[in-house]
Amino acid sequence: KNAFCKYFKTRTNKTFFQFLIEIRIEHAAKLLVKNKELSVIEISELSGFNNISNFNRKFKEIKKKTPFEFKNSLSDS
């Protein structure tokens, strides 16, 4: 496990868990675009997050908007 994590970090310049969170947030963003009837809580759970506050924090770190702002900006355009 440690050898994989070290190898992964040297190849990608990010930890495996950072990479995993990015994949989950991208999945959540796609769900927000395609499934407007789903709530943010449902999308966070479908994206592998067990904690809504952690999901909101990580989403904002990566997308520079909260999931709610992201979802609302889609309907504005």
N, C-alpha and C. Protein backbone atom coordinates (compact mmCIF):
# COMPACT_ATOMS: atom_id res chain seq x y z
N LYS A 1 0.83 -1.19 0.00
CA LYS A 1 0.00 0.00 0.00
C LYS A 1 0.87 1.26 0.00
N ASN A 2 1.84 1.29 0.88
CA ASN A 2 2.72 2.47 0.96
C ASN A 2 3.54 2.65 -0.31
N ALA A 3 4.01 1.53 -0.87
CA ALA A 3 4.80 1.61 -2.10
C ALA A 3 3.96 2.16 -3.24
N PHE A 4 2.71 1.71 -3.34
CA PHE A 4 1.82 2.22 -4.39
C PHE A 4 1.61 3.72 -4.23
N CYS A 5 1.30 4.16 -3.01
CA CYS A 5 1.04 5.58 -2.76
C CYS A 5 2.25 6.43 -3.09
N LYS A 6 3.42 5.95 -2.74
CA LYS A 6 4.65 6.68 -3.04
C LYS A 6 4.89 6.73 -4.55
N TYR A 7 4.71 5.61 -5.24
CA TYR A 7 4.86 5.56 -6.69
C TYR A 7 3.85 6.48 -7.37
N PHE A 8 2.62 6.44 -6.92
CA PHE A 8 1.55 7.27 -7.49
C PHE A 8 1.90 8.74 -7.36
N LYS A 9 2.38 9.14 -6.20
CA LYS A 9 2.71 10.55 -5.96
C LYS A 9 3.88 11.00 -6.85
N THR A 10 4.86 10.14 -7.05
CA THR A 10 5.99 10.53 -7.90
C THR A 10 5.56 10.67 -9.36
N ARG A 11 4.58 9.89 -9.78
CA ARG A 11 4.12 9.93 -11.18
C ARG A 11 3.10 11.04 -11.45
N THR A 12 2.26 11.35 -10.48
CA THR A 12 1.17 12.31 -10.72
C THR A 12 1.34 13.63 -9.99
N ASN A 13 2.26 13.67 -9.05
CA ASN A 13 2.49 14.86 -8.23
C ASN A 13 1.30 15.17 -7.32
N LYS A 14 0.48 14.18 -7.04
CA LYS A 14 -0.60 14.31 -6.06
C LYS A 14 -0.80 12.97 -5.40
N THR A 15 -1.39 13.01 -4.21
CA THR A 15 -1.62 11.74 -3.52
C THR A 15 -2.77 11.00 -4.19
N PHE A 16 -2.84 9.71 -3.92
CA PHE A 16 -3.93 8.91 -4.47
C PHE A 16 -5.28 9.45 -3.99
N PHE A 17 -5.34 9.88 -2.73
CA PHE A 17 -6.61 10.37 -2.19
C PHE A 17 -7.00 11.72 -2.79
N GLN A 18 -6.01 12.58 -3.08
CA GLN A 18 -6.32 13.82 -3.80
C GLN A 18 -6.90 13.51 -5.17
N PHE A 19 -6.29 12.57 -5.85
CA PHE A 19 -6.76 12.15 -7.17
C PHE A 19 -8.17 11.58 -7.09
N LEU A 20 -8.41 10.74 -6.10
CA LEU A 20 -9.72 10.13 -5.92
C LEU A 20 -10.79 11.19 -5.67
N ILE A 21 -10.49 12.17 -4.84
CA ILE A 21 -11.44 13.25 -4.57
C ILE A 21 -11.74 14.04 -5.84
N GLU A 22 -10.72 14.31 -6.64
CA GLU A 22 -10.93 15.02 -7.91
C GLU A 22 -11.86 14.23 -8.83
N ILE A 23 -11.67 12.93 -8.91
CA ILE A 23 -12.53 12.08 -9.74
C ILE A 23 -13.97 12.14 -9.22
N ARG A 24 -14.13 12.05 -7.91
CA ARG A 24 -15.48 12.10 -7.32
C ARG A 24 -16.16 13.44 -7.56
N ILE A 25 -15.40 14.53 -7.47
CA ILE A 25 -15.98 15.86 -7.70
C ILE A 25 -16.36 16.03 -9.17
N GLU A 26 -15.56 15.53 -10.08
CA GLU A 26 -15.91 15.59 -11.51
C GLU A 26 -17.18 14.80 -11.78
N HIS A 27 -17.30 13.65 -11.13
CA HIS A 27 -18.52 12.84 -11.26
C HIS A 27 -19.73 13.62 -10.73
N ALA A 28 -19.55 14.27 -9.59
CA ALA A 28 -20.63 15.07 -9.00
C ALA A 28 -21.03 16.22 -9.93
N ALA A 29 -20.05 16.87 -10.54
CA ALA A 29 -20.34 17.98 -11.45
C ALA A 29 -21.15 17.48 -12.65
N LYS A 30 -20.79 16.32 -13.17
CA LYS A 30 -21.55 15.75 -14.29
C LYS A 30 -22.98 15.42 -13.87
N LEU A 31 -23.15 14.91 -12.66
CA LEU A 31 -24.49 14.62 -12.16
C LEU A 31 -25.29 15.91 -11.99
N LEU A 32 -24.65 16.97 -11.53
CA LEU A 32 -25.34 18.25 -11.37
C LEU A 32 -25.83 18.78 -12.72
N VAL A 33 -25.06 18.52 -13.76
CA VAL A 33 -25.43 18.98 -15.11
C VAL A 33 -26.56 18.12 -15.68
N LYS A 34 -26.42 16.81 -15.55
CA LYS A 34 -27.36 15.89 -16.21
C LYS A 34 -28.62 15.60 -15.42
N ASN A 35 -28.54 15.65 -14.10
CA ASN A 35 -29.66 15.24 -13.25
C ASN A 35 -30.09 16.40 -12.37
N LYS A 36 -30.73 17.38 -12.95
CA LYS A 36 -31.11 18.57 -12.22
C LYS A 36 -32.14 18.30 -11.12
N GLU A 37 -32.84 17.18 -11.20
CA GLU A 37 -33.85 16.86 -10.18
C GLU A 37 -33.24 16.29 -8.90
N LEU A 38 -31.98 15.86 -8.95
CA LEU A 38 -31.32 15.32 -7.77
C LEU A 38 -30.88 16.45 -6.85
N SER A 39 -30.98 16.23 -5.55
CA SER A 39 -30.51 17.22 -4.59
C SER A 39 -28.99 17.12 -4.46
N VAL A 40 -28.40 18.16 -3.89
CA VAL A 40 -26.95 18.16 -3.67
C VAL A 40 -26.56 17.04 -2.71
N ILE A 41 -27.38 16.77 -1.73
CA ILE A 41 -27.10 15.68 -0.79
C ILE A 41 -27.10 14.33 -1.52
N GLU A 42 -28.07 14.11 -2.38
CA GLU A 42 -28.11 12.86 -3.14
C GLU A 42 -26.89 12.72 -4.03
N ILE A 43 -26.50 13.82 -4.67
CA ILE A 43 -25.34 13.79 -5.55
C ILE A 43 -24.07 13.52 -4.76
N SER A 44 -23.95 14.12 -3.58
CA SER A 44 -22.76 13.86 -2.77
C SER A 44 -22.67 12.38 -2.40
N GLU A 45 -23.79 11.78 -2.05
CA GLU A 45 -23.79 10.36 -1.71
C GLU A 45 -23.48 9.49 -2.93
N LEU A 46 -24.06 9.85 -4.08
CA LEU A 46 -23.79 9.09 -5.31
C LEU A 46 -22.34 9.22 -5.77
N SER A 47 -21.68 10.27 -5.31
CA SER A 47 -20.28 10.50 -5.69
C SER A 47 -19.30 9.94 -4.68
N GLY A 48 -19.79 9.26 -3.66
CA GLY A 48 -18.91 8.59 -2.71
C GLY A 48 -18.57 9.38 -1.47
N PHE A 49 -19.28 10.47 -1.21
CA PHE A 49 -19.02 11.25 0.00
C PHE A 49 -20.06 10.88 1.05
N ASN A 50 -19.60 10.65 2.27
CA ASN A 50 -20.48 10.31 3.38
C ASN A 50 -20.84 11.53 4.22
N ASN A 51 -20.17 12.64 3.97
CA ASN A 51 -20.33 13.83 4.80
C ASN A 51 -20.58 15.02 3.88
N ILE A 52 -21.73 15.67 3.99
CA ILE A 52 -22.09 16.76 3.08
C ILE A 52 -21.18 17.96 3.25
N SER A 53 -20.74 18.26 4.46
CA SER A 53 -19.87 19.42 4.64
C SER A 53 -18.50 19.19 4.00
N ASN A 54 -18.00 17.97 4.09
CA ASN A 54 -16.74 17.64 3.42
C ASN A 54 -16.91 17.73 1.90
N PHE A 55 -18.02 17.23 1.41
CA PHE A 55 -18.31 17.32 -0.03
C PHE A 55 -18.34 18.78 -0.48
N ASN A 56 -19.07 19.62 0.24
CA ASN A 56 -19.16 21.03 -0.12
C ASN A 56 -17.79 21.71 -0.11
N ARG A 57 -16.99 21.42 0.91
CA ARG A 57 -15.66 22.01 1.03
C ARG A 57 -14.75 21.59 -0.13
N LYS A 58 -14.73 20.29 -0.42
CA LYS A 58 -13.88 19.79 -1.50
C LYS A 58 -14.36 20.27 -2.87
N PHE A 59 -15.68 20.33 -3.06
CA PHE A 59 -16.24 20.81 -4.32
C PHE A 59 -15.80 22.25 -4.56
N LYS A 60 -15.90 23.08 -3.53
CA LYS A 60 -15.53 24.49 -3.66
C LYS A 60 -14.03 24.64 -3.91
N GLU A 61 -13.21 23.83 -3.27
CA GLU A 61 -11.76 23.87 -3.49
C GLU A 61 -11.43 23.63 -4.96
N ILE A 62 -12.11 22.67 -5.57
CA ILE A 62 -11.79 22.25 -6.93
C ILE A 62 -12.51 23.09 -7.98
N LYS A 63 -13.78 23.36 -7.77
CA LYS A 63 -14.60 24.05 -8.78
C LYS A 63 -14.73 25.56 -8.55
N LYS A 64 -14.23 26.04 -7.41
CA LYS A 64 -14.29 27.48 -7.06
C LYS A 64 -15.72 27.97 -6.86
N LYS A 65 -16.66 27.07 -6.73
CA LYS A 65 -18.07 27.37 -6.43
C LYS A 65 -18.59 26.26 -5.55
N THR A 66 -19.60 26.57 -4.74
CA THR A 66 -20.25 25.51 -4.00
C THR A 66 -21.09 24.69 -4.98
N PRO A 67 -21.46 23.46 -4.62
CA PRO A 67 -22.32 22.68 -5.51
C PRO A 67 -23.62 23.42 -5.84
N PHE A 68 -24.19 24.10 -4.85
CA PHE A 68 -25.43 24.84 -5.06
C PHE A 68 -25.21 25.98 -6.06
N GLU A 69 -24.11 26.73 -5.91
CA GLU A 69 -23.80 27.81 -6.87
C GLU A 69 -23.56 27.24 -8.26
N PHE A 70 -22.84 26.11 -8.32
CA PHE A 70 -22.56 25.46 -9.59
C PHE A 70 -23.87 25.05 -10.28
N LYS A 71 -24.76 24.43 -9.52
CA LYS A 71 -26.05 23.97 -10.04
C LYS A 71 -26.89 25.16 -10.53
N ASN A 72 -26.90 26.24 -9.75
CA ASN A 72 -27.68 27.43 -10.13
C ASN A 72 -27.08 28.16 -11.32
N SER A 73 -25.77 28.14 -11.46
CA SER A 73 -25.13 28.80 -12.61
C SER A 73 -25.47 28.09 -13.91
N LEU A 74 -25.80 26.81 -13.83
CA LEU A 74 -26.19 26.06 -15.03
C LEU A 74 -27.56 26.50 -15.53
N SER A 75 -28.45 26.78 -14.60
CA SER A 75 -29.80 27.19 -15.01
C SER A 75 -29.84 28.64 -15.47
N ASP A 76 -28.82 29.43 -15.10
CA ASP A 76 -28.74 30.83 -15.54
C ASP A 76 -28.32 30.95 -16.99
N SER A 77 -27.58 29.95 -17.48
CA SER A 77 -27.05 30.06 -18.85
C SER A 77 -27.96 29.45 -19.88
